[in-house]
């Protein structure tokens, strides 16, 4: 996987990571999660107990491909907090995090 492909996959995984985090918060607070429509892969990710950990590891490995070094736990947390998905939404034609199910996750998995 080259750097450009790693950046594309990382953008999408960051969105999915944020979606999973938000879904978990919604489930704790409201008792129900965010709608996922017909995206089977996203539904499977949401059902996994360790989804956030797996996604975090993917992001760390992709960041290592992109920058040549693996971020520390603190650097990762800072990256997540400072990540502004606005440009990524526009790039993939999403109106917001609730439309993450529109991503072509099969293509992303193919790149991985």
Protein backbone atom coordinates (compact mmCIF):
# COMPACT_ATOMS: atom_id res chain seq x y z
CA UNK A 1 0.00 0.00 0.00
CA UNK A 2 1.43 3.35 -0.98
CA UNK A 3 1.19 6.59 1.03
CA UNK A 4 -1.71 8.01 -1.01
CA UNK A 5 -3.79 4.84 -0.54
CA UNK A 6 -2.94 4.79 3.16
CA UNK A 7 -4.17 8.39 3.50
CA UNK A 8 -7.45 7.54 1.77
CA UNK A 9 -8.06 4.52 3.97
CA UNK A 10 -7.06 6.43 7.11
CA UNK A 11 -9.58 9.20 6.36
CA UNK A 12 -12.36 6.67 6.08
CA UNK A 13 -11.31 4.70 9.15
CA UNK A 14 -11.17 7.93 11.15
CA UNK A 15 -14.77 8.61 10.15
CA UNK A 16 -15.78 5.08 11.08
CA UNK A 17 -13.92 5.38 14.40
CA UNK A 18 -15.79 8.60 15.18
CA UNK A 19 -19.07 6.99 14.11
CA UNK A 20 -18.50 4.00 16.40
CA UNK A 21 -17.61 6.29 19.32
CA UNK A 22 -20.72 8.37 18.75
CA UNK A 23 -22.91 5.29 18.33
CA UNK A 24 -21.65 3.92 21.66
CA UNK A 25 -22.41 7.24 23.38
CA UNK A 26 -25.90 7.30 21.88
CA UNK A 27 -26.53 3.75 23.07
CA UNK A 28 -25.44 4.61 26.61
CA UNK A 29 -27.50 7.79 26.77
CA UNK A 30 -30.57 7.04 24.62
CA UNK A 31 -30.58 3.24 24.58
CA UNK A 32 -30.38 3.15 20.78
CA UNK A 33 -27.61 3.73 18.28
CA UNK A 34 -27.21 5.68 15.08
CA UNK A 35 -28.88 4.44 11.88
CA UNK A 36 -26.61 2.41 9.60
CA UNK A 37 -28.99 1.49 6.78
CA UNK A 38 -27.88 -1.44 4.60
CA UNK A 39 -24.16 -1.31 5.23
CA UNK A 40 -23.43 -4.83 6.45
CA UNK A 41 -19.76 -4.18 7.14
CA UNK A 42 -20.54 -1.16 9.30
CA UNK A 43 -23.21 -3.12 11.14
CA UNK A 44 -20.68 -5.89 11.84
CA UNK A 45 -18.16 -3.36 13.13
CA UNK A 46 -20.75 -1.85 15.46
CA UNK A 47 -21.54 -5.28 16.92
CA UNK A 48 -17.89 -5.96 17.78
CA UNK A 49 -17.04 -5.30 21.41
CA UNK A 50 -13.47 -4.31 20.59
CA UNK A 51 -14.25 -2.30 17.43
CA UNK A 52 -12.67 0.90 18.73
CA UNK A 53 -9.46 -0.93 19.64
CA UNK A 54 -9.25 -2.59 16.22
CA UNK A 55 -9.93 0.69 14.41
CA UNK A 56 -7.38 2.48 16.61
CA UNK A 57 -4.73 -0.11 15.69
CA UNK A 58 -5.57 0.29 12.00
CA UNK A 59 -5.20 4.06 12.26
CA UNK A 60 -1.86 3.70 14.07
CA UNK A 61 -0.52 1.32 11.42
CA UNK A 62 -1.71 3.57 8.59
CA UNK A 63 -0.15 6.60 10.27
CA UNK A 64 3.11 4.67 10.43
CA UNK A 65 2.90 4.02 6.67
CA UNK A 66 2.14 7.69 6.00
CA UNK A 67 4.65 9.36 8.34
CA UNK A 68 7.21 6.64 8.94
CA UNK A 69 6.64 6.60 12.72
CA UNK A 70 3.96 5.21 14.97
CA UNK A 71 2.18 7.82 17.13
CA UNK A 72 2.19 7.41 20.89
CA UNK A 73 -1.09 6.92 22.74
CA UNK A 74 -1.14 10.61 23.67
CA UNK A 75 -0.39 11.67 20.08
CA UNK A 76 -3.20 9.40 18.88
CA UNK A 77 -5.68 10.94 21.32
CA UNK A 78 -4.59 14.42 20.23
CA UNK A 79 -4.99 13.44 16.57
CA UNK A 80 -8.55 12.19 17.22
CA UNK A 81 -9.55 15.29 19.20
CA UNK A 82 -8.09 17.69 16.63
CA UNK A 83 -9.41 15.82 13.60
CA UNK A 84 -11.88 17.99 11.68
CA UNK A 85 -13.90 15.76 9.35
CA UNK A 86 -15.51 18.64 7.39
CA UNK A 87 -13.25 18.30 4.36
CA UNK A 88 -13.57 14.52 4.43
CA UNK A 89 -17.38 14.81 4.44
CA UNK A 90 -17.24 16.97 1.32
CA UNK A 91 -14.69 14.71 -0.36
CA UNK A 92 -16.94 11.66 -0.01
CA UNK A 93 -20.25 13.48 -0.51
CA UNK A 94 -21.45 13.07 3.07
CA UNK A 95 -23.56 15.60 4.94
CA UNK A 96 -22.24 14.46 8.28
CA UNK A 97 -21.18 11.54 10.41
CA UNK A 98 -24.64 9.98 10.20
CA UNK A 99 -24.02 9.24 6.51
CA UNK A 100 -20.83 7.25 7.04
CA UNK A 101 -22.75 4.22 5.81
CA UNK A 102 -22.48 5.70 2.29
CA UNK A 103 -18.72 5.09 2.20
CA UNK A 104 -17.58 2.32 -0.13
CA UNK A 105 -16.19 0.18 2.67
CA UNK A 106 -15.66 -2.81 0.40
CA UNK A 107 -13.18 -0.78 -1.64
CA UNK A 108 -11.48 0.37 1.56
CA UNK A 109 -11.15 -3.22 2.82
CA UNK A 110 -9.75 -4.20 -0.57
CA UNK A 111 -6.97 -1.63 -0.15
CA UNK A 112 -6.14 -2.97 3.30
